[in-house]
């Protein structure tokens, strides 16, 4: 049991220190930020407002 607790703590520390990149050589390198959400599902008004503002900021930054 102690081994499992220590392993869990080690994984938690690694995740806090830095991201763990899995299959990094196969990951596409695309600049920018991305947000994935289901287009057809109902989304909260807060998420809808965030997406709208993010699109406006991205559009004004590229103009």
C-alpha atoms as a PDB file:
ATOM      1  CA  UNK A   1       0.000   0.000   0.000  1.00  0.00           C
ATOM      2  CA  UNK A   2       2.814   2.408   0.838  1.00  0.00           C
ATOM      3  CA  UNK A   3       4.343   1.802  -2.594  1.00  0.00           C
ATOM      4  CA  UNK A   4       1.082   2.834  -4.283  1.00  0.00           C
ATOM      5  CA  UNK A   5       0.857   6.000  -2.200  1.00  0.00           C
ATOM      6  CA  UNK A   6       4.453   6.946  -3.033  1.00  0.00           C
ATOM      7  CA  UNK A   7       3.895   6.258  -6.730  1.00  0.00           C
ATOM      8  CA  UNK A   8       0.742   8.393  -6.703  1.00  0.00           C
ATOM      9  CA  UNK A   9       2.614  11.237  -4.996  1.00  0.00           C
ATOM     10  CA  UNK A  10       5.448  11.006  -7.520  1.00  0.00           C
ATOM     11  CA  UNK A  11       3.043  11.174 -10.463  1.00  0.00           C
ATOM     12  CA  UNK A  12       1.280  14.145  -8.868  1.00  0.00           C
ATOM     13  CA  UNK A  13       4.574  15.997  -8.463  1.00  0.00           C
ATOM     14  CA  UNK A  14       5.612  15.302 -12.057  1.00  0.00           C
ATOM     15  CA  UNK A  15       2.285  16.621 -13.317  1.00  0.00           C
ATOM     16  CA  UNK A  16       2.576  19.729 -11.177  1.00  0.00           C
ATOM     17  CA  UNK A  17       6.132  20.447 -12.337  1.00  0.00           C
ATOM     18  CA  UNK A  18       5.586  20.078 -16.051  1.00  0.00           C
ATOM     19  CA  UNK A  19       3.321  18.573 -18.615  1.00  0.00           C
ATOM     20  CA  UNK A  20       3.989  15.011 -19.659  1.00  0.00           C
ATOM     21  CA  UNK A  21       4.100  14.820 -23.446  1.00  0.00           C
ATOM     22  CA  UNK A  22       3.049  11.461 -24.803  1.00  0.00           C
ATOM     23  CA  UNK A  23       3.821  10.576 -28.423  1.00  0.00           C
ATOM     24  CA  UNK A  24       5.402  14.000 -28.905  1.00  0.00           C
ATOM     25  CA  UNK A  25       7.059  13.059 -32.236  1.00  0.00           C
ATOM     26  CA  UNK A  26       3.617  12.307 -33.675  1.00  0.00           C
ATOM     27  CA  UNK A  27       1.870  15.421 -32.376  1.00  0.00           C
ATOM     28  CA  UNK A  28       1.271  18.128 -34.983  1.00  0.00           C
ATOM     29  CA  UNK A  29       2.895  21.468 -34.342  1.00  0.00           C
ATOM     30  CA  UNK A  30       0.217  24.054 -34.999  1.00  0.00           C
ATOM     31  CA  UNK A  31       0.492  27.570 -33.589  1.00  0.00           C
ATOM     32  CA  UNK A  32      -2.377  29.017 -31.616  1.00  0.00           C
ATOM     33  CA  UNK A  33      -4.780  27.916 -28.948  1.00  0.00           C
ATOM     34  CA  UNK A  34      -7.652  25.530 -29.427  1.00  0.00           C
ATOM     35  CA  UNK A  35     -10.886  24.881 -27.616  1.00  0.00           C
ATOM     36  CA  UNK A  36     -12.847  21.738 -28.372  1.00  0.00           C
ATOM     37  CA  UNK A  37     -16.503  21.550 -27.498  1.00  0.00           C
ATOM     38  CA  UNK A  38     -19.484  19.773 -29.063  1.00  0.00           C
ATOM     39  CA  UNK A  39     -21.164  22.109 -31.524  1.00  0.00           C
ATOM     40  CA  UNK A  40     -24.546  20.389 -31.355  1.00  0.00           C
ATOM     41  CA  UNK A  41     -24.725  19.971 -27.602  1.00  0.00           C
ATOM     42  CA  UNK A  42     -26.238  22.609 -25.376  1.00  0.00           C
ATOM     43  CA  UNK A  43     -23.491  24.689 -23.877  1.00  0.00           C
ATOM     44  CA  UNK A  44     -23.736  26.967 -20.902  1.00  0.00           C
ATOM     45  CA  UNK A  45     -24.188  30.694 -21.465  1.00  0.00           C
ATOM     46  CA  UNK A  46     -20.821  31.278 -19.784  1.00  0.00           C
ATOM     47  CA  UNK A  47     -19.015  28.992 -22.244  1.00  0.00           C
ATOM     48  CA  UNK A  48     -20.882  30.575 -25.163  1.00  0.00           C
ATOM     49  CA  UNK A  49     -19.792  34.046 -24.002  1.00  0.00           C
ATOM     50  CA  UNK A  50     -16.197  32.860 -23.611  1.00  0.00           C
ATOM     51  CA  UNK A  51     -16.147  31.368 -27.112  1.00  0.00           C
ATOM     52  CA  UNK A  52     -17.611  34.556 -28.606  1.00  0.00           C
ATOM     53  CA  UNK A  53     -15.046  36.768 -26.857  1.00  0.00           C
ATOM     54  CA  UNK A  54     -12.188  34.435 -27.788  1.00  0.00           C
ATOM     55  CA  UNK A  55     -13.228  34.585 -31.442  1.00  0.00           C
ATOM     56  CA  UNK A  56     -13.410  38.391 -31.346  1.00  0.00           C
ATOM     57  CA  UNK A  57      -9.981  38.663 -29.729  1.00  0.00           C
ATOM     58  CA  UNK A  58      -8.479  36.231 -32.234  1.00  0.00           C
ATOM     59  CA  UNK A  59     -10.032  38.120 -35.135  1.00  0.00           C
ATOM     60  CA  UNK A  60      -8.782  41.500 -33.898  1.00  0.00           C
ATOM     61  CA  UNK A  61      -5.292  40.112 -33.250  1.00  0.00           C
ATOM     62  CA  UNK A  62      -4.997  38.744 -36.782  1.00  0.00           C
ATOM     63  CA  UNK A  63      -6.347  41.939 -38.431  1.00  0.00           C
END
